[in-house]
Amino acid sequence: MAQITHKLEILVNAADPVPEINNVILAFLQLHSGRETQILTELQSEIAAAIKHYSNETGESE
């Protein structure tokens, strides 16, 4: 049986990370209508963990 999947090909300007990452997130949210809150909540947890990791790595406080 054929498998049908969504495929995104994304080209970003790595020199401008914050708005580019935001645009990528928005693109994914558009593909998952109705799950935006779930996706953003899970991302929030991942981001919090990354902030903690990098803060500890560099000795910065949160």
PDB file of N, CA and C in Angstrom:
ATOM      1  N   MET A   1       0.844  -1.179   0.000  1.00  0.00           N
ATOM      2  CA  MET A   1       0.000   0.000   0.000  1.00  0.00           C
ATOM      3  C   MET A   1       0.889   1.241   0.000  1.00  0.00           C
ATOM      4  N   ALA A   2       0.474   2.234  -0.715  1.00  0.00           N
ATOM      5  CA  ALA A   2       1.242   3.477  -0.804  1.00  0.00           C
ATOM      6  C   ALA A   2       1.199   4.223   0.520  1.00  0.00           C
ATOM      7  N   GLN A   3       2.305   4.823   0.857  1.00  0.00           N
ATOM      8  CA  GLN A   3       2.368   5.682   2.033  1.00  0.00           C
ATOM      9  C   GLN A   3       2.377   7.126   1.561  1.00  0.00           C
ATOM     10  N   ILE A   4       1.525   7.926   2.161  1.00  0.00           N
ATOM     11  CA  ILE A   4       1.457   9.333   1.813  1.00  0.00           C
ATOM     12  C   ILE A   4       1.880  10.134   3.033  1.00  0.00           C
ATOM     13  N   THR A   5       2.896  10.961   2.860  1.00  0.00           N
ATOM     14  CA  THR A   5       3.383  11.776   3.961  1.00  0.00           C
ATOM     15  C   THR A   5       3.594  13.202   3.488  1.00  0.00           C
ATOM     16  N   HIS A   6       3.545  14.098   4.428  1.00  0.00           N
ATOM     17  CA  HIS A   6       3.870  15.489   4.135  1.00  0.00           C
ATOM     18  C   HIS A   6       5.385  15.636   4.186  1.00  0.00           C
ATOM     19  N   LYS A   7       5.902  16.395   3.271  1.00  0.00           N
ATOM     20  CA  LYS A   7       7.336  16.643   3.260  1.00  0.00           C
ATOM     21  C   LYS A   7       7.547  18.144   3.139  1.00  0.00           C
ATOM     22  N   LEU A   8       8.335  18.674   4.045  1.00  0.00           N
ATOM     23  CA  LEU A   8       8.699  20.080   3.972  1.00  0.00           C
ATOM     24  C   LEU A   8      10.159  20.173   3.575  1.00  0.00           C
ATOM     25  N   GLU A   9      10.428  20.983   2.617  1.00  0.00           N
ATOM     26  CA  GLU A   9      11.807  21.331   2.308  1.00  0.00           C
ATOM     27  C   GLU A   9      11.953  22.786   2.703  1.00  0.00           C
ATOM     28  N   ILE A  10      12.834  23.027   3.646  1.00  0.00           N
ATOM     29  CA  ILE A  10      12.936  24.355   4.237  1.00  0.00           C
ATOM     30  C   ILE A  10      14.353  24.882   4.054  1.00  0.00           C
ATOM     31  N   LEU A  11      14.435  26.082   3.551  1.00  0.00           N
ATOM     32  CA  LEU A  11      15.707  26.782   3.414  1.00  0.00           C
ATOM     33  C   LEU A  11      15.652  27.978   4.340  1.00  0.00           C
ATOM     34  N   VAL A  12      16.589  28.057   5.263  1.00  0.00           N
ATOM     35  CA  VAL A  12      16.582  29.140   6.242  1.00  0.00           C
ATOM     36  C   VAL A  12      17.884  29.928   6.187  1.00  0.00           C
ATOM     37  N   ASN A  13      17.799  31.153   6.655  1.00  0.00           N
ATOM     38  CA  ASN A  13      18.975  32.002   6.793  1.00  0.00           C
ATOM     39  C   ASN A  13      19.527  31.779   8.195  1.00  0.00           C
ATOM     40  N   ALA A  14      20.584  31.007   8.307  1.00  0.00           N
ATOM     41  CA  ALA A  14      21.163  30.662   9.611  1.00  0.00           C
ATOM     42  C   ALA A  14      21.723  31.879  10.340  1.00  0.00           C
ATOM     43  N   ALA A  15      21.927  32.976   9.632  1.00  0.00           N
ATOM     44  CA  ALA A  15      22.440  34.191  10.258  1.00  0.00           C
ATOM     45  C   ALA A  15      21.347  34.927  11.038  1.00  0.00           C
ATOM     46  N   ASP A  16      20.107  34.522  10.875  1.00  0.00           N
ATOM     47  CA  ASP A  16      18.975  35.180  11.534  1.00  0.00           C
ATOM     48  C   ASP A  16      18.105  34.110  12.200  1.00  0.00           C
ATOM     49  N   PRO A  17      18.627  33.433  13.239  1.00  0.00           N
ATOM     50  CA  PRO A  17      17.989  32.215  13.737  1.00  0.00           C
ATOM     51  C   PRO A  17      16.605  32.369  14.351  1.00  0.00           C
ATOM     52  N   VAL A  18      16.370  33.388  15.132  1.00  0.00           N
ATOM     53  CA  VAL A  18      15.094  33.454  15.853  1.00  0.00           C
ATOM     54  C   VAL A  18      13.892  33.569  14.912  1.00  0.00           C
ATOM     55  N   PRO A  19      13.858  34.536  14.009  1.00  0.00           N
ATOM     56  CA  PRO A  19      12.690  34.581  13.120  1.00  0.00           C
ATOM     57  C   PRO A  19      12.607  33.377  12.187  1.00  0.00           C
ATOM     58  N   GLU A  20      13.736  32.824  11.808  1.00  0.00           N
ATOM     59  CA  GLU A  20      13.732  31.654  10.933  1.00  0.00           C
ATOM     60  C   GLU A  20      13.150  30.437  11.651  1.00  0.00           C
ATOM     61  N   ILE A  21      13.577  30.226  12.891  1.00  0.00           N
ATOM     62  CA  ILE A  21      13.030  29.112  13.687  1.00  0.00           C
ATOM     63  C   ILE A  21      11.535  29.314  13.898  1.00  0.00           C
ATOM     64  N   ASN A  22      11.139  30.545  14.168  1.00  0.00           N
ATOM     65  CA  ASN A  22       9.719  30.853  14.335  1.00  0.00           C
ATOM     66  C   ASN A  22       8.931  30.481  13.082  1.00  0.00           C
ATOM     67  N   ASN A  23       9.449  30.806  11.920  1.00  0.00           N
ATOM     68  CA  ASN A  23       8.773  30.479  10.668  1.00  0.00           C
ATOM     69  C   ASN A  23       8.656  28.975  10.459  1.00  0.00           C
ATOM     70  N   VAL A  24       9.680  28.237  10.849  1.00  0.00           N
ATOM     71  CA  VAL A  24       9.637  26.777  10.727  1.00  0.00           C
ATOM     72  C   VAL A  24       8.566  26.209  11.659  1.00  0.00           C
ATOM     73  N   ILE A  25       8.523  26.705  12.893  1.00  0.00           N
ATOM     74  CA  ILE A  25       7.502  26.247  13.832  1.00  0.00           C
ATOM     75  C   ILE A  25       6.108  26.531  13.279  1.00  0.00           C
ATOM     76  N   LEU A  26       5.903  27.726  12.758  1.00  0.00           N
ATOM     77  CA  LEU A  26       4.597  28.076  12.196  1.00  0.00           C
ATOM     78  C   LEU A  26       4.225  27.165  11.029  1.00  0.00           C
ATOM     79  N   ALA A  27       5.196  26.798  10.216  1.00  0.00           N
ATOM     80  CA  ALA A  27       4.930  25.894   9.095  1.00  0.00           C
ATOM     81  C   ALA A  27       4.452  24.535   9.602  1.00  0.00           C
ATOM     82  N   PHE A  28       5.086  24.027  10.646  1.00  0.00           N
ATOM     83  CA  PHE A  28       4.664  22.744  11.212  1.00  0.00           C
ATOM     84  C   PHE A  28       3.285  22.843  11.852  1.00  0.00           C
ATOM     85  N   LEU A  29       3.018  23.938  12.529  1.00  0.00           N
ATOM     86  CA  LEU A  29       1.710  24.100  13.156  1.00  0.00           C
ATOM     87  C   LEU A  29       0.596  24.107  12.126  1.00  0.00           C
ATOM     88  N   GLN A  30       0.855  24.689  10.963  1.00  0.00           N
ATOM     89  CA  GLN A  30      -0.150  24.715   9.906  1.00  0.00           C
ATOM     90  C   GLN A  30      -0.483  23.310   9.405  1.00  0.00           C
ATOM     91  N   LEU A  31       0.478  22.404   9.490  1.00  0.00           N
ATOM     92  CA  LEU A  31       0.241  21.023   9.062  1.00  0.00           C
ATOM     93  C   LEU A  31      -0.520  20.204  10.100  1.00  0.00           C
ATOM     94  N   HIS A  32      -0.579  20.709  11.324  1.00  0.00           N
ATOM     95  CA  HIS A  32      -1.170  19.939  12.421  1.00  0.00           C
ATOM     96  C   HIS A  32      -2.254  20.744  13.117  1.00  0.00           C
ATOM     97  N   SER A  33      -3.198  21.210  12.349  1.00  0.00           N
ATOM     98  CA  SER A  33      -4.311  21.994  12.872  1.00  0.00           C
ATOM     99  C   SER A  33      -5.017  21.229  13.986  1.00  0.00           C
ATOM    100  N   GLY A  34      -5.285  21.923  15.085  1.00  0.00           N
ATOM    101  CA  GLY A  34      -5.939  21.296  16.230  1.00  0.00           C
ATOM    102  C   GLY A  34      -4.974  20.768  17.263  1.00  0.00           C
ATOM    103  N   ARG A  35      -3.690  20.657  16.909  1.00  0.00           N
ATOM    104  CA  ARG A  35      -2.674  20.152  17.845  1.00  0.00           C
ATOM    105  C   ARG A  35      -1.667  21.227  18.219  1.00  0.00           C
ATOM    106  N   GLU A  36      -1.960  22.481  17.871  1.00  0.00           N
ATOM    107  CA  GLU A  36      -1.000  23.564  18.095  1.00  0.00           C
ATOM    108  C   GLU A  36      -0.566  23.663  19.555  1.00  0.00           C
ATOM    109  N   THR A  37      -1.530  23.624  20.471  1.00  0.00           N
ATOM    110  CA  THR A  37      -1.197  23.763  21.894  1.00  0.00           C
ATOM    111  C   THR A  37      -0.325  22.605  22.368  1.00  0.00           C
ATOM    112  N   GLN A  38      -0.656  21.404  21.968  1.00  0.00           N
ATOM    113  CA  GLN A  38       0.147  20.243  22.352  1.00  0.00           C
ATOM    114  C   GLN A  38       1.571  20.374  21.836  1.00  0.00           C
ATOM    115  N   ILE A  39       1.711  20.725  20.580  1.00  0.00           N
ATOM    116  CA  ILE A  39       3.039  20.849  19.968  1.00  0.00           C
ATOM    117  C   ILE A  39       3.838  21.941  20.655  1.00  0.00           C
ATOM    118  N   LEU A  40       3.211  23.099  20.860  1.00  0.00           N
ATOM    119  CA  LEU A  40       3.920  24.214  21.487  1.00  0.00           C
ATOM    120  C   LEU A  40       4.286  23.912  22.938  1.00  0.00           C
ATOM    121  N   THR A  41       3.427  23.198  23.645  1.00  0.00           N
ATOM    122  CA  THR A  41       3.730  22.815  25.028  1.00  0.00           C
ATOM    123  C   THR A  41       4.925  21.874  25.081  1.00  0.00           C
ATOM    124  N   GLU A  42       4.962  20.911  24.163  1.00  0.00           N
ATOM    125  CA  GLU A  42       6.106  19.993  24.121  1.00  0.00           C
ATOM    126  C   GLU A  42       7.379  20.730  23.734  1.00  0.00           C
ATOM    127  N   LEU A  43       7.277  21.657  22.800  1.00  0.00           N
ATOM    128  CA  LEU A  43       8.444  22.473  22.437  1.00  0.00           C
ATOM    129  C   LEU A  43       8.915  23.306  23.617  1.00  0.00           C
ATOM    130  N   GLN A  44       7.966  23.859  24.360  1.00  0.00           N
ATOM    131  CA  GLN A  44       8.303  24.662  25.521  1.00  0.00           C
ATOM    132  C   GLN A  44       9.132  23.842  26.519  1.00  0.00           C
ATOM    133  N   SER A  45       8.747  22.589  26.729  1.00  0.00           N
ATOM    134  CA  SER A  45       9.500  21.708  27.631  1.00  0.00           C
ATOM    135  C   SER A  45      10.906  21.448  27.107  1.00  0.00           C
ATOM    136  N   GLU A  46      11.004  21.197  25.807  1.00  0.00           N
ATOM    137  CA  GLU A  46      12.316  20.955  25.200  1.00  0.00           C
ATOM    138  C   GLU A  46      13.205  22.200  25.289  1.00  0.00           C
ATOM    139  N   ILE A  47      12.612  23.360  25.057  1.00  0.00           N
ATOM    140  CA  ILE A  47      13.368  24.610  25.125  1.00  0.00           C
ATOM    141  C   ILE A  47      13.827  24.874  26.554  1.00  0.00           C
ATOM    142  N   ALA A  48      12.955  24.645  27.530  1.00  0.00           N
ATOM    143  CA  ALA A  48      13.331  24.837  28.931  1.00  0.00           C
ATOM    144  C   ALA A  48      14.498  23.920  29.310  1.00  0.00           C
ATOM    145  N   ALA A  49      14.451  22.682  28.852  1.00  0.00           N
ATOM    146  CA  ALA A  49      15.539  21.738  29.133  1.00  0.00           C
ATOM    147  C   ALA A  49      16.838  22.206  28.470  1.00  0.00           C
ATOM    148  N   ALA A  50      16.748  22.718  27.250  1.00  0.00           N
ATOM    149  CA  ALA A  50      17.942  23.203  26.556  1.00  0.00           C
ATOM    150  C   ALA A  50      18.517  24.430  27.252  1.00  0.00           C
ATOM    151  N   ILE A  51      17.651  25.330  27.707  1.00  0.00           N
ATOM    152  CA  ILE A  51      18.124  26.511  28.435  1.00  0.00           C
ATOM    153  C   ILE A  51      18.847  26.088  29.701  1.00  0.00           C
ATOM    154  N   LYS A  52      18.281  25.145  30.413  1.00  0.00           N
ATOM    155  CA  LYS A  52      18.924  24.649  31.637  1.00  0.00           C
ATOM    156  C   LYS A  52      20.275  24.035  31.309  1.00  0.00           C
ATOM    157  N   HIS A  53      20.319  23.219  30.277  1.00  0.00           N
ATOM    158  CA  HIS A  53      21.563  22.575  29.875  1.00  0.00           C
ATOM    159  C   HIS A  53      22.641  23.603  29.519  1.00  0.00           C
ATOM    160  N   TYR A  54      22.298  24.531  28.649  1.00  0.00           N
ATOM    161  CA  TYR A  54      23.295  25.499  28.193  1.00  0.00           C
ATOM    162  C   TYR A  54      23.647  26.508  29.276  1.00  0.00           C
ATOM    163  N   SER A  55      22.708  26.814  30.164  1.00  0.00           N
ATOM    164  CA  SER A  55      23.021  27.688  31.301  1.00  0.00           C
ATOM    165  C   SER A  55      24.019  27.028  32.233  1.00  0.00           C
ATOM    166  N   ASN A  56      23.831  25.729  32.491  1.00  0.00           N
ATOM    167  CA  ASN A  56      24.763  24.985  33.349  1.00  0.00           C
ATOM    168  C   ASN A  56      26.118  24.835  32.672  1.00  0.00           C
ATOM    169  N   GLU A  57      26.107  24.640  31.366  1.00  0.00           N
ATOM    170  CA  GLU A  57      27.340  24.435  30.611  1.00  0.00           C
ATOM    171  C   GLU A  57      28.210  25.696  30.619  1.00  0.00           C
ATOM    172  N   THR A  58      27.580  26.849  30.558  1.00  0.00           N
ATOM    173  CA  THR A  58      28.329  28.102  30.483  1.00  0.00           C
ATOM    174  C   THR A  58      28.449  28.788  31.839  1.00  0.00           C
ATOM    175  N   GLY A  59      27.800  28.218  32.871  1.00  0.00           N
ATOM    176  CA  GLY A  59      27.847  28.814  34.184  1.00  0.00           C
ATOM    177  C   GLY A  59      26.905  30.000  34.352  1.00  0.00           C
ATOM    178  N   GLU A  60      26.036  30.209  33.378  1.00  0.00           N
ATOM    179  CA  GLU A  60      25.063  31.307  33.461  1.00  0.00           C
ATOM    180  C   GLU A  60      23.916  30.901  34.360  1.00  0.00           C
ATOM    181  N   SER A  61      23.285  31.897  34.954  1.00  0.00           N
ATOM    182  CA  SER A  61      22.069  31.615  35.708  1.00  0.00           C
ATOM    183  C   SER A  61      20.880  31.880  34.811  1.00  0.00           C
ATOM    184  N   GLU A  62      19.777  31.199  35.131  1.00  0.00           N
ATOM    185  CA  GLU A  62      18.590  31.339  34.289  1.00  0.00           C
ATOM    186  C   GLU A  62      17.915  32.659  34.494  1.00  0.00           C
TER     187      GLU A  62
END
